[in-house]
Amino acid sequence: MDPVVVGLIKPGEKLAVPMIQIVFALGSETCAIRHIQTQKQDDFMLYDIWIAGLSPEVFGVVDQDDQYIWNNLLLASRGWEKMFSHRDPITEAQMKSMSPLISSDEAFCTFTLK
C-alpha cells in the first residue's frame, strides 16, 4: 500500500516518525510472519509487516492445546456467501443489496430503491 496514493499523506510530506503497515491475514492456511526491509520513500520511512495464520507459531497467546477453538472461530468466517444464495437471481440480488459493501462483489455495491 502506497500511503501517498491512498491519501494518508500528501506527496512530498515529511514525517518525523516512520509509518508502520501491518496486515493480519488470519484466515491464511499458511502461517508466516514476513516483513519488507525498511523502505525510504520520499520523505518518510515505511515498514510493511505481513502476519498470516492463527496459530502458536504466529501468536504466542494461541496455545497448541486450544488450537481447535481458534480453528472453529476461523470457520465462522468462511462460507458466509452461502447465506446470500437464492434460486431466484432477482431475490438474490436484492438480498445482497440489503447488506451493502460487505464484499467487493458488485452485487453488494449496487443499491436498489423500490
PDB file of N, CA and C in Angstrom:
ATOM      1  N   MET A   1       0.847  -1.179   0.000  1.00  0.00           N
ATOM      2  CA  MET A   1       0.000   0.000   0.000  1.00  0.00           C
ATOM      3  C   MET A   1       0.887   1.234   0.000  1.00  0.00           C
ATOM      4  N   ASP A   2       0.649   2.076  -0.938  1.00  0.00           N
ATOM      5  CA  ASP A   2       1.394   3.323  -1.020  1.00  0.00           C
ATOM      6  C   ASP A   2       0.592   4.396  -0.290  1.00  0.00           C
ATOM      7  N   PRO A   3       1.110   4.928   0.847  1.00  0.00           N
ATOM      8  CA  PRO A   3       0.348   5.898   1.627  1.00  0.00           C
ATOM      9  C   PRO A   3       0.051   7.197   0.890  1.00  0.00           C
ATOM     10  N   VAL A   4       0.855   7.538  -0.101  1.00  0.00           N
ATOM     11  CA  VAL A   4       0.589   8.747  -0.884  1.00  0.00           C
ATOM     12  C   VAL A   4      -0.587   8.496  -1.818  1.00  0.00           C
ATOM     13  N   VAL A   5      -0.592   7.342  -2.485  1.00  0.00           N
ATOM     14  CA  VAL A   5      -1.651   7.013  -3.437  1.00  0.00           C
ATOM     15  C   VAL A   5      -3.008   6.918  -2.744  1.00  0.00           C
ATOM     16  N   VAL A   6      -3.061   6.327  -1.551  1.00  0.00           N
ATOM     17  CA  VAL A   6      -4.347   6.192  -0.854  1.00  0.00           C
ATOM     18  C   VAL A   6      -4.728   7.431  -0.063  1.00  0.00           C
ATOM     19  N   GLY A   7      -3.885   8.447  -0.057  1.00  0.00           N
ATOM     20  CA  GLY A   7      -4.231   9.717   0.552  1.00  0.00           C
ATOM     21  C   GLY A   7      -3.947   9.850   2.041  1.00  0.00           C
ATOM     22  N   LEU A   8      -3.129   8.954   2.603  1.00  0.00           N
ATOM     23  CA  LEU A   8      -2.785   9.087   4.014  1.00  0.00           C
ATOM     24  C   LEU A   8      -1.837  10.262   4.257  1.00  0.00           C
ATOM     25  N   ILE A   9      -0.969  10.500   3.313  1.00  0.00           N
ATOM     26  CA  ILE A   9      -0.069  11.654   3.387  1.00  0.00           C
ATOM     27  C   ILE A   9      -0.009  12.319   2.013  1.00  0.00           C
ATOM     28  N   LYS A  10       0.391  13.552   2.001  1.00  0.00           N
ATOM     29  CA  LYS A  10       0.489  14.306   0.750  1.00  0.00           C
ATOM     30  C   LYS A  10       1.841  14.032   0.083  1.00  0.00           C
ATOM     31  N   PRO A  11       1.905  14.144  -1.243  1.00  0.00           N
ATOM     32  CA  PRO A  11       3.184  13.963  -1.925  1.00  0.00           C
ATOM     33  C   PRO A  11       4.229  14.936  -1.385  1.00  0.00           C
ATOM     34  N   GLY A  12       5.409  14.417  -1.072  1.00  0.00           N
ATOM     35  CA  GLY A  12       6.483  15.249  -0.558  1.00  0.00           C
ATOM     36  C   GLY A  12       6.380  15.575   0.921  1.00  0.00           C
ATOM     37  N   GLU A  13       5.319  15.117   1.589  1.00  0.00           N
ATOM     38  CA  GLU A  13       5.152  15.407   3.010  1.00  0.00           C
ATOM     39  C   GLU A  13       6.229  14.678   3.819  1.00  0.00           C
ATOM     40  N   LYS A  14       6.794  15.368   4.770  1.00  0.00           N
ATOM     41  CA  LYS A  14       7.842  14.791   5.609  1.00  0.00           C
ATOM     42  C   LYS A  14       7.224  14.337   6.935  1.00  0.00           C
ATOM     43  N   LEU A  15       7.522  13.098   7.318  1.00  0.00           N
ATOM     44  CA  LEU A  15       7.036  12.550   8.577  1.00  0.00           C
ATOM     45  C   LEU A  15       8.202  12.405   9.547  1.00  0.00           C
ATOM     46  N   ALA A  16       7.990  12.813  10.779  1.00  0.00           N
ATOM     47  CA  ALA A  16       9.044  12.727  11.788  1.00  0.00           C
ATOM     48  C   ALA A  16       9.216  11.301  12.309  1.00  0.00           C
ATOM     49  N   VAL A  17       8.164  10.503  12.211  1.00  0.00           N
ATOM     50  CA  VAL A  17       8.213   9.118  12.689  1.00  0.00           C
ATOM     51  C   VAL A  17       7.932   8.179  11.514  1.00  0.00           C
ATOM     52  N   PRO A  18       8.396   6.945  11.582  1.00  0.00           N
ATOM     53  CA  PRO A  18       8.140   6.021  10.476  1.00  0.00           C
ATOM     54  C   PRO A  18       6.674   5.591  10.434  1.00  0.00           C
ATOM     55  N   MET A  19       6.246   5.173   9.267  1.00  0.00           N
ATOM     56  CA  MET A  19       4.897   4.639   9.094  1.00  0.00           C
ATOM     57  C   MET A  19       5.017   3.120   9.106  1.00  0.00           C
ATOM     58  N   ILE A  20       4.166   2.467   9.902  1.00  0.00           N
ATOM     59  CA  ILE A  20       4.184   1.008  10.017  1.00  0.00           C
ATOM     60  C   ILE A  20       2.849   0.481   9.516  1.00  0.00           C
ATOM     61  N   GLN A  21       2.909  -0.399   8.529  1.00  0.00           N
ATOM     62  CA  GLN A  21       1.710  -1.001   7.960  1.00  0.00           C
ATOM     63  C   GLN A  21       1.717  -2.483   8.330  1.00  0.00           C
ATOM     64  N   ILE A  22       0.678  -2.935   9.016  1.00  0.00           N
ATOM     65  CA  ILE A  22       0.588  -4.334   9.429  1.00  0.00           C
ATOM     66  C   ILE A  22      -0.676  -4.930   8.828  1.00  0.00           C
ATOM     67  N   VAL A  23      -0.527  -6.069   8.167  1.00  0.00           N
ATOM     68  CA  VAL A  23      -1.663  -6.797   7.608  1.00  0.00           C
ATOM     69  C   VAL A  23      -1.801  -8.102   8.374  1.00  0.00           C
ATOM     70  N   PHE A  24      -2.994  -8.346   8.927  1.00  0.00           N
ATOM     71  CA  PHE A  24      -3.293  -9.593   9.602  1.00  0.00           C
ATOM     72  C   PHE A  24      -4.158 -10.430   8.665  1.00  0.00           C
ATOM     73  N   ALA A  25      -3.586 -11.463   8.086  1.00  0.00           N
ATOM     74  CA  ALA A  25      -4.316 -12.391   7.222  1.00  0.00           C
ATOM     75  C   ALA A  25      -4.590 -13.649   8.038  1.00  0.00           C
ATOM     76  N   LEU A  26      -5.460 -13.521   9.026  1.00  0.00           N
ATOM     77  CA  LEU A  26      -5.671 -14.595   9.996  1.00  0.00           C
ATOM     78  C   LEU A  26      -6.254 -15.851   9.361  1.00  0.00           C
ATOM     79  N   GLY A  27      -6.989 -15.719   8.286  1.00  0.00           N
ATOM     80  CA  GLY A  27      -7.591 -16.873   7.631  1.00  0.00           C
ATOM     81  C   GLY A  27      -6.650 -17.619   6.709  1.00  0.00           C
ATOM     82  N   SER A  28      -5.422 -17.184   6.601  1.00  0.00           N
ATOM     83  CA  SER A  28      -4.462 -17.843   5.726  1.00  0.00           C
ATOM     84  C   SER A  28      -4.190 -19.261   6.205  1.00  0.00           C
ATOM     85  N   GLU A  29      -4.088 -20.183   5.262  1.00  0.00           N
ATOM     86  CA  GLU A  29      -3.782 -21.560   5.621  1.00  0.00           C
ATOM     87  C   GLU A  29      -2.297 -21.752   5.892  1.00  0.00           C
ATOM     88  N   THR A  30      -1.476 -20.851   5.406  1.00  0.00           N
ATOM     89  CA  THR A  30      -0.037 -20.915   5.648  1.00  0.00           C
ATOM     90  C   THR A  30       0.319 -19.875   6.703  1.00  0.00           C
ATOM     91  N   CYS A  31       0.950 -20.320   7.775  1.00  0.00           N
ATOM     92  CA  CYS A  31       1.340 -19.404   8.852  1.00  0.00           C
ATOM     93  C   CYS A  31       2.684 -18.770   8.530  1.00  0.00           C
ATOM     94  N   ALA A  32       2.764 -17.466   8.745  1.00  0.00           N
ATOM     95  CA  ALA A  32       4.011 -16.770   8.455  1.00  0.00           C
ATOM     96  C   ALA A  32       4.006 -15.381   9.067  1.00  0.00           C
ATOM     97  N   ILE A  33       5.201 -14.911   9.359  1.00  0.00           N
ATOM     98  CA  ILE A  33       5.413 -13.510   9.715  1.00  0.00           C
ATOM     99  C   ILE A  33       6.503 -13.015   8.777  1.00  0.00           C
ATOM    100  N   ARG A  34       6.169 -12.042   7.971  1.00  0.00           N
ATOM    101  CA  ARG A  34       7.122 -11.518   6.982  1.00  0.00           C
ATOM    102  C   ARG A  34       7.197 -10.002   7.118  1.00  0.00           C
ATOM    103  N   HIS A  35       8.337  -9.488   6.773  1.00  0.00           N
ATOM    104  CA  HIS A  35       8.464  -8.034   6.724  1.00  0.00           C
ATOM    105  C   HIS A  35       9.291  -7.663   5.507  1.00  0.00           C
ATOM    106  N   ILE A  36       8.981  -6.514   5.002  1.00  0.00           N
ATOM    107  CA  ILE A  36       9.770  -5.961   3.899  1.00  0.00           C
ATOM    108  C   ILE A  36      10.771  -5.026   4.527  1.00  0.00           C
ATOM    109  N   GLN A  37      11.981  -5.124   4.086  1.00  0.00           N
ATOM    110  CA  GLN A  37      13.023  -4.271   4.639  1.00  0.00           C
ATOM    111  C   GLN A  37      12.583  -2.808   4.590  1.00  0.00           C
ATOM    112  N   THR A  38      13.098  -2.055   5.495  1.00  0.00           N
ATOM    113  CA  THR A  38      12.769  -0.639   5.586  1.00  0.00           C
ATOM    114  C   THR A  38      12.854   0.004   4.205  1.00  0.00           C
ATOM    115  N   GLN A  39      11.820   0.724   3.868  1.00  0.00           N
ATOM    116  CA  GLN A  39      11.780   1.403   2.582  1.00  0.00           C
ATOM    117  C   GLN A  39      11.856   2.905   2.797  1.00  0.00           C
ATOM    118  N   LYS A  40      12.694   3.546   2.084  1.00  0.00           N
ATOM    119  CA  LYS A  40      12.759   5.001   2.128  1.00  0.00           C
ATOM    120  C   LYS A  40      12.030   5.509   0.901  1.00  0.00           C
ATOM    121  N   GLN A  41      10.898   6.162   1.129  1.00  0.00           N
ATOM    122  CA  GLN A  41      10.118   6.733   0.036  1.00  0.00           C
ATOM    123  C   GLN A  41       9.915   8.211   0.315  1.00  0.00           C
ATOM    124  N   ASP A  42      10.166   9.010  -0.658  1.00  0.00           N
ATOM    125  CA  ASP A  42      10.016  10.450  -0.488  1.00  0.00           C
ATOM    126  C   ASP A  42      10.694  10.879   0.818  1.00  0.00           C
ATOM    127  N   ASP A  43       9.924  11.477   1.733  1.00  0.00           N
ATOM    128  CA  ASP A  43      10.479  11.951   2.999  1.00  0.00           C
ATOM    129  C   ASP A  43       9.935  11.182   4.192  1.00  0.00           C
ATOM    130  N   PHE A  44       9.743   9.884   4.036  1.00  0.00           N
ATOM    131  CA  PHE A  44       9.276   9.096   5.182  1.00  0.00           C
ATOM    132  C   PHE A  44       9.813   7.670   5.093  1.00  0.00           C
ATOM    133  N   MET A  45       9.875   7.017   6.246  1.00  0.00           N
ATOM    134  CA  MET A  45      10.289   5.620   6.326  1.00  0.00           C
ATOM    135  C   MET A  45       9.024   4.766   6.408  1.00  0.00           C
ATOM    136  N   LEU A  46       9.065   3.610   5.774  1.00  0.00           N
ATOM    137  CA  LEU A  46       7.903   2.738   5.710  1.00  0.00           C
ATOM    138  C   LEU A  46       8.310   1.320   6.066  1.00  0.00           C
ATOM    139  N   TYR A  47       7.574   0.698   6.988  1.00  0.00           N
ATOM    140  CA  TYR A  47       7.787  -0.691   7.367  1.00  0.00           C
ATOM    141  C   TYR A  47       6.516  -1.466   7.035  1.00  0.00           C
ATOM    142  N   ASP A  48       6.633  -2.551   6.269  1.00  0.00           N
ATOM    143  CA  ASP A  48       5.498  -3.399   5.920  1.00  0.00           C
ATOM    144  C   ASP A  48       5.652  -4.734   6.631  1.00  0.00           C
ATOM    145  N   ILE A  49       4.608  -5.151   7.357  1.00  0.00           N
ATOM    146  CA  ILE A  49       4.627  -6.408   8.094  1.00  0.00           C
ATOM    147  C   ILE A  49       3.398  -7.212   7.707  1.00  0.00           C
ATOM    148  N   TRP A  50       3.600  -8.490   7.382  1.00  0.00           N
ATOM    149  CA  TRP A  50       2.530  -9.400   6.982  1.00  0.00           C
ATOM    150  C   TRP A  50       2.473 -10.525   8.008  1.00  0.00           C
ATOM    151  N   ILE A  51       1.319 -10.697   8.652  1.00  0.00           N
ATOM    152  CA  ILE A  51       1.134 -11.761   9.637  1.00  0.00           C
ATOM    153  C   ILE A  51       0.010 -12.653   9.130  1.00  0.00           C
ATOM    154  N   ALA A  52       0.342 -13.918   8.864  1.00  0.00           N
ATOM    155  CA  ALA A  52      -0.616 -14.837   8.263  1.00  0.00           C
ATOM    156  C   ALA A  52      -0.849 -16.042   9.158  1.00  0.00           C
ATOM    157  N   GLY A  53      -2.108 -16.446   9.243  1.00  0.00           N
ATOM    158  CA  GLY A  53      -2.472 -17.623  10.012  1.00  0.00           C
ATOM    159  C   GLY A  53      -2.824 -17.280  11.445  1.00  0.00           C
ATOM    160  N   LEU A  54      -3.390 -18.250  12.118  1.00  0.00           N
ATOM    161  CA  LEU A  54      -3.784 -18.075  13.516  1.00  0.00           C
ATOM    162  C   LEU A  54      -3.334 -19.333  14.244  1.00  0.00           C
ATOM    163  N   SER A  55      -2.092 -19.310  14.700  1.00  0.00           N
ATOM    164  CA  SER A  55      -1.502 -20.495  15.309  1.00  0.00           C
ATOM    165  C   SER A  55      -0.454 -20.078  16.338  1.00  0.00           C
ATOM    166  N   PRO A  56       0.030 -21.038  17.125  1.00  0.00           N
ATOM    167  CA  PRO A  56       1.075 -20.719  18.104  1.00  0.00           C
ATOM    168  C   PRO A  56       2.365 -20.198  17.465  1.00  0.00           C
ATOM    169  N   GLU A  57       2.623 -20.577  16.206  1.00  0.00           N
ATOM    170  CA  GLU A  57       3.832 -20.092  15.524  1.00  0.00           C
ATOM    171  C   GLU A  57       3.775 -18.587  15.257  1.00  0.00           C
ATOM    172  N   VAL A  58       2.560 -18.064  15.175  1.00  0.00           N
ATOM    173  CA  VAL A  58       2.368 -16.648  14.844  1.00  0.00           C
ATOM    174  C   VAL A  58       2.008 -15.825  16.085  1.00  0.00           C
ATOM    175  N   PHE A  59       1.123 -16.348  16.916  1.00  0.00           N
ATOM    176  CA  PHE A  59       0.671 -15.624  18.109  1.00  0.00           C
ATOM    177  C   PHE A  59       0.967 -16.450  19.360  1.00  0.00           C
ATOM    178  N   GLY A  60       1.727 -15.891  20.260  1.00  0.00           N
ATOM    179  CA  GLY A  60       2.088 -16.584  21.492  1.00  0.00           C
ATOM    180  C   GLY A  60       0.905 -16.903  22.385  1.00  0.00           C
ATOM    181  N   VAL A  61      -0.186 -16.153  22.266  1.00  0.00           N
ATOM    182  CA  VAL A  61      -1.354 -16.396  23.121  1.00  0.00           C
ATOM    183  C   VAL A  61      -2.181 -17.589  22.661  1.00  0.00           C
ATOM    184  N   VAL A  62      -1.912 -18.080  21.457  1.00  0.00           N
ATOM    185  CA  VAL A  62      -2.629 -19.251  20.946  1.00  0.00           C
ATOM    186  C   VAL A  62      -1.892 -20.491  21.434  1.00  0.00           C
ATOM    187  N   ASP A  63      -2.520 -21.217  22.334  1.00  0.00           N
ATOM    188  CA  ASP A  63      -1.926 -22.421  22.892  1.00  0.00           C
ATOM    189  C   ASP A  63      -2.211 -23.607  21.964  1.00  0.00           C
ATOM    190  N   GLN A  64      -1.223 -24.473  21.781  1.00  0.00           N
ATOM    191  CA  GLN A  64      -1.383 -25.623  20.896  1.00  0.00           C
ATOM    192  C   GLN A  64      -2.576 -26.491  21.312  1.00  0.00           C
ATOM    193  N   ASP A  65      -2.794 -26.634  22.623  1.00  0.00           N
ATOM    194  CA  ASP A  65      -3.910 -27.455  23.109  1.00  0.00           C
ATOM    195  C   ASP A  65      -5.271 -26.842  22.790  1.00  0.00           C
ATOM    196  N   ASP A  66      -5.322 -25.550  22.570  1.00  0.00           N
ATOM    197  CA  ASP A  66      -6.581 -24.855  22.264  1.00  0.00           C
ATOM    198  C   ASP A  66      -6.699 -24.473  20.794  1.00  0.00           C
ATOM    199  N   GLN A  67      -5.833 -25.016  19.965  1.00  0.00           N
ATOM    200  CA  GLN A  67      -5.829 -24.659  18.541  1.00  0.00           C
ATOM    201  C   GLN A  67      -7.196 -24.915  17.898  1.00  0.00           C
ATOM    202  N   TYR A  68      -7.895 -25.955  18.311  1.00  0.00           N
ATOM    203  CA  TYR A  68      -9.194 -26.276  17.726  1.00  0.00           C
ATOM    204  C   TYR A  68     -10.205 -25.143  17.940  1.00  0.00           C
ATOM    205  N   ILE A  69     -10.092 -24.428  19.055  1.00  0.00           N
ATOM    206  CA  ILE A  69     -11.001 -23.303  19.313  1.00  0.00           C
ATOM    207  C   ILE A  69     -10.778 -22.214  18.272  1.00  0.00           C
ATOM    208  N   TRP A  70      -9.526 -21.876  18.021  1.00  0.00           N
ATOM    209  CA  TRP A  70      -9.200 -20.842  17.034  1.00  0.00           C
ATOM    210  C   TRP A  70      -9.611 -21.285  15.638  1.00  0.00           C
ATOM    211  N   ASN A  71      -9.431 -22.565  15.335  1.00  0.00           N
ATOM    212  CA  ASN A  71      -9.839 -23.074  14.021  1.00  0.00           C
ATOM    213  C   ASN A  71     -11.349 -22.948  13.835  1.00  0.00           C
ATOM    214  N   ASN A  72     -12.109 -23.225  14.885  1.00  0.00           N
ATOM    215  CA  ASN A  72     -13.568 -23.087  14.802  1.00  0.00           C
ATOM    216  C   ASN A  72     -13.986 -21.631  14.617  1.00  0.00           C
ATOM    217  N   LEU A  73     -13.280 -20.717  15.249  1.00  0.00           N
ATOM    218  CA  LEU A  73     -13.582 -19.291  15.046  1.00  0.00           C
ATOM    219  C   LEU A  73     -13.333 -18.888  13.596  1.00  0.00           C
ATOM    220  N   LEU A  74     -12.250 -19.398  13.020  1.00  0.00           N
ATOM    221  CA  LEU A  74     -11.967 -19.090  11.614  1.00  0.00           C
ATOM    222  C   LEU A  74     -13.015 -19.699  10.688  1.00  0.00           C
ATOM    223  N   LEU A  75     -13.523 -20.873  11.030  1.00  0.00           N
ATOM    224  CA  LEU A  75     -14.558 -21.494  10.198  1.00  0.00           C
ATOM    225  C   LEU A  75     -15.790 -20.613  10.081  1.00  0.00           C
ATOM    226  N   ALA A  76     -16.094 -19.871  11.125  1.00  0.00           N
ATOM    227  CA  ALA A  76     -17.256 -18.980  11.094  1.00  0.00           C
ATOM    228  C   ALA A  76     -17.100 -17.886  10.042  1.00  0.00           C
ATOM    229  N   SER A  77     -15.869 -17.568   9.660  1.00  0.00           N
ATOM    230  CA  SER A  77     -15.651 -16.516   8.668  1.00  0.00           C
ATOM    231  C   SER A  77     -15.601 -17.065   7.246  1.00  0.00           C
ATOM    232  N   ARG A  78     -15.725 -18.370   7.093  1.00  0.00           N
ATOM    233  CA  ARG A  78     -15.687 -18.977   5.761  1.00  0.00           C
ATOM    234  C   ARG A  78     -17.091 -19.433   5.376  1.00  0.00           C
ATOM    235  N   GLY A  79     -17.413 -19.299   4.119  1.00  0.00           N
ATOM    236  CA  GLY A  79     -18.695 -19.783   3.620  1.00  0.00           C
ATOM    237  C   GLY A  79     -19.872 -18.862   3.886  1.00  0.00           C
ATOM    238  N   TRP A  80     -19.620 -17.644   4.333  1.00  0.00           N
ATOM    239  CA  TRP A  80     -20.713 -16.718   4.638  1.00  0.00           C
ATOM    240  C   TRP A  80     -21.511 -16.362   3.385  1.00  0.00           C
ATOM    241  N   GLU A  81     -20.892 -16.507   2.205  1.00  0.00           N
ATOM    242  CA  GLU A  81     -21.576 -16.139   0.971  1.00  0.00           C
ATOM    243  C   GLU A  81     -22.812 -17.001   0.721  1.00  0.00           C
ATOM    244  N   LYS A  82     -22.807 -18.227   1.278  1.00  0.00           N
ATOM    245  CA  LYS A  82     -23.918 -19.156   1.044  1.00  0.00           C
ATOM    246  C   LYS A  82     -25.250 -18.602   1.532  1.00  0.00           C
ATOM    247  N   MET A  83     -25.211 -17.786   2.577  1.00  0.00           N
ATOM    248  CA  MET A  83     -26.482 -17.277   3.092  1.00  0.00           C
ATOM    249  C   MET A  83     -27.105 -16.234   2.162  1.00  0.00           C
ATOM    250  N   PHE A  84     -26.370 -15.815   1.138  1.00  0.00           N
ATOM    251  CA  PHE A  84     -26.904 -14.855   0.178  1.00  0.00           C
ATOM    252  C   PHE A  84     -27.287 -15.522  -1.145  1.00  0.00           C
ATOM    253  N   SER A  85     -27.224 -16.842  -1.209  1.00  0.00           N
ATOM    254  CA  SER A  85     -27.593 -17.513  -2.459  1.00  0.00           C
ATOM    255  C   SER A  85     -29.087 -17.842  -2.441  1.00  0.00           C
ATOM    256  N   HIS A  86     -29.691 -17.734  -3.606  1.00  0.00           N
ATOM    257  CA  HIS A  86     -31.128 -17.991  -3.749  1.00  0.00           C
ATOM    258  C   HIS A  86     -31.374 -18.505  -5.158  1.00  0.00           C
ATOM    259  N   ARG A  87     -32.366 -19.361  -5.319  1.00  0.00           N
ATOM    260  CA  ARG A  87     -32.652 -19.919  -6.648  1.00  0.00           C
ATOM    261  C   ARG A  87     -33.130 -18.848  -7.627  1.00  0.00           C
ATOM    262  N   ASP A  88     -33.731 -17.786  -7.106  1.00  0.00           N
ATOM    263  CA  ASP A  88     -34.208 -16.695  -7.948  1.00  0.00           C
ATOM    264  C   ASP A  88     -33.148 -15.596  -7.977  1.00  0.00           C
ATOM    265  N   PRO A  89     -32.567 -15.303  -9.135  1.00  0.00           N
ATOM    266  CA  PRO A  89     -31.483 -14.312  -9.215  1.00  0.00           C
ATOM    267  C   PRO A  89     -31.897 -12.906  -8.779  1.00  0.00           C
ATOM    268  N   ILE A  90     -33.153 -12.534  -8.988  1.00  0.00           N
ATOM    269  CA  ILE A  90     -33.621 -11.199  -8.565  1.00  0.00           C
ATOM    270  C   ILE A  90     -33.655 -11.125  -7.043  1.00  0.00           C
ATOM    271  N   THR A  91     -34.167 -12.169  -6.420  1.00  0.00           N
ATOM    272  CA  THR A  91     -34.200 -12.211  -4.954  1.00  0.00           C
ATOM    273  C   THR A  91     -32.784 -12.197  -4.394  1.00  0.00           C
ATOM    274  N   GLU A  92     -31.896 -12.954  -5.015  1.00  0.00           N
ATOM    275  CA  GLU A  92     -30.503 -12.983  -4.560  1.00  0.00           C
ATOM    276  C   GLU A  92     -29.874 -11.592  -4.642  1.00  0.00           C
ATOM    277  N   ALA A  93     -30.101 -10.906  -5.747  1.00  0.00           N
ATOM    278  CA  ALA A  93     -29.553  -9.555  -5.915  1.00  0.00           C
ATOM    279  C   ALA A  93     -30.113  -8.604  -4.856  1.00  0.00           C
ATOM    280  N   GLN A  94     -31.406  -8.728  -4.562  1.00  0.00           N
ATOM    281  CA  GLN A  94     -31.999  -7.872  -3.530  1.00  0.00           C
ATOM    282  C   GLN A  94     -31.441  -8.183  -2.149  1.00  0.00           C
ATOM    283  N   MET A  95     -31.238  -9.477  -1.865  1.00  0.00           N
ATOM    284  CA  MET A  95     -30.660  -9.853  -0.571  1.00  0.00           C
ATOM    285  C   MET A  95     -29.256  -9.241  -0.421  1.00  0.00           C
ATOM    286  N   LYS A  96     -28.477  -9.306  -1.480  1.00  0.00           N
ATOM    287  CA  LYS A  96     -27.115  -8.758  -1.435  1.00  0.00           C
ATOM    288  C   LYS A  96     -27.139  -7.240  -1.304  1.00  0.00           C
ATOM    289  N   SER A  97     -28.093  -6.596  -1.973  1.00  0.00           N
ATOM    290  CA  SER A  97     -28.142  -5.131  -1.905  1.00  0.00           C
ATOM    291  C   SER A  97     -28.555  -4.641  -0.519  1.00  0.00           C
ATOM    292  N   MET A  98     -29.164  -5.519   0.283  1.00  0.00           N
ATOM    293  CA  MET A  98     -29.556  -5.142   1.640  1.00  0.00           C
ATOM    294  C   MET A  98     -28.414  -5.281   2.642  1.00  0.00           C
ATOM    295  N   SER A  99     -27.271  -5.758   2.164  1.00  0.00           N
ATOM    296  CA  SER A  99     -26.066  -5.850   3.006  1.00  0.00           C
ATOM    297  C   SER A  99     -24.929  -5.164   2.254  1.00  0.00           C
ATOM    298  N   PRO A 100     -25.031  -3.866   2.092  1.00  0.00           N
ATOM    299  CA  PRO A 100     -24.083  -3.162   1.231  1.00  0.00           C
ATOM    300  C   PRO A 100     -22.647  -3.194   1.744  1.00  0.00           C
ATOM    301  N   LEU A 101     -21.744  -3.352   0.788  1.00  0.00           N
ATOM    302  CA  LEU A 101     -20.297  -3.221   0.991  1.00  0.00           C
ATOM    303  C   LEU A 101     -19.669  -4.259   1.917  1.00  0.00           C
ATOM    304  N   ILE A 102     -20.330  -5.408   2.113  1.00  0.00           N
ATOM    305  CA  ILE A 102     -19.680  -6.439   2.923  1.00  0.00           C
ATOM    306  C   ILE A 102     -18.763  -7.310   2.075  1.00  0.00           C
ATOM    307  N   SER A 103     -18.771  -7.085   0.776  1.00  0.00           N
ATOM    308  CA  SER A 103     -17.911  -7.813  -0.144  1.00  0.00           C
ATOM    309  C   SER A 103     -17.603  -6.912  -1.327  1.00  0.00           C
ATOM    310  N   SER A 104     -16.541  -7.250  -2.038  1.00  0.00           N
ATOM    311  CA  SER A 104     -16.217  -6.468  -3.230  1.00  0.00           C
ATOM    312  C   SER A 104     -17.040  -6.932  -4.435  1.00  0.00           C
ATOM    313  N   ASP A 105     -17.811  -7.995  -4.279  1.00  0.00           N
ATOM    314  CA  ASP A 105     -18.712  -8.455  -5.322  1.00  0.00           C
ATOM    315  C   ASP A 105     -19.659  -7.308  -5.689  1.00  0.00           C
ATOM    316  N   GLU A 106     -19.800  -7.051  -6.978  1.00  0.00           N
ATOM    317  CA  GLU A 106     -20.588  -5.911  -7.435  1.00  0.00           C
ATOM    318  C   GLU A 106     -22.009  -5.896  -6.893  1.00  0.00           C
ATOM    319  N   ALA A 107     -22.595  -7.076  -6.678  1.00  0.00           N
ATOM    320  CA  ALA A 107     -23.971  -7.143  -6.189  1.00  0.00           C
ATOM    321  C   ALA A 107     -24.116  -6.539  -4.794  1.00  0.00           C
ATOM    322  N   PHE A 108     -23.054  -6.544  -4.006  1.00  0.00           N
ATOM    323  CA  PHE A 108     -23.098  -5.935  -2.668  1.00  0.00           C
ATOM    324  C   PHE A 108     -22.869  -4.422  -2.730  1.00  0.00           C
ATOM    325  N   CYS A 109     -22.536  -3.938  -3.901  1.00  0.00           N
ATOM    326  CA  CYS A 109     -22.267  -2.496  -4.057  1.00  0.00           C
ATOM    327  C   CYS A 109     -23.338  -1.806  -4.886  1.00  0.00           C
ATOM    328  N   THR A 110     -24.392  -2.534  -5.219  1.00  0.00           N
ATOM    329  CA  THR A 110     -25.489  -1.987  -6.028  1.00  0.00           C
ATOM    330  C   THR A 110     -26.674  -1.768  -5.107  1.00  0.00           C
ATOM    331  N   PHE A 111     -27.177  -0.572  -5.102  1.00  0.00           N
ATOM    332  CA  PHE A 111     -28.297  -0.231  -4.247  1.00  0.00           C
ATOM    333  C   PHE A 111     -29.549  -0.088  -5.077  1.00  0.00           C
ATOM    334  N   THR A 112     -30.609  -0.752  -4.662  1.00  0.00           N
ATOM    335  CA  THR A 112     -31.876  -0.636  -5.381  1.00  0.00           C
ATOM    336  C   THR A 112     -32.911  -0.071  -4.425  1.00  0.00           C
ATOM    337  N   LEU A 113     -33.593   0.963  -4.875  1.00  0.00           N
ATOM    338  CA  LEU A 113     -34.657   1.557  -4.071  1.00  0.00           C
ATOM    339  C   LEU A 113     -35.976   1.279  -4.757  1.00  0.00           C
ATOM    340  N   LYS A 114     -36.843   0.578  -4.067  1.00  0.00           N
ATOM    341  CA  LYS A 114     -38.160   0.254  -4.655  1.00  0.00           C
ATOM    342  C   LYS A 114     -39.216   0.433  -3.612  1.00  0.00           C
TER     343      LYS A 114
END
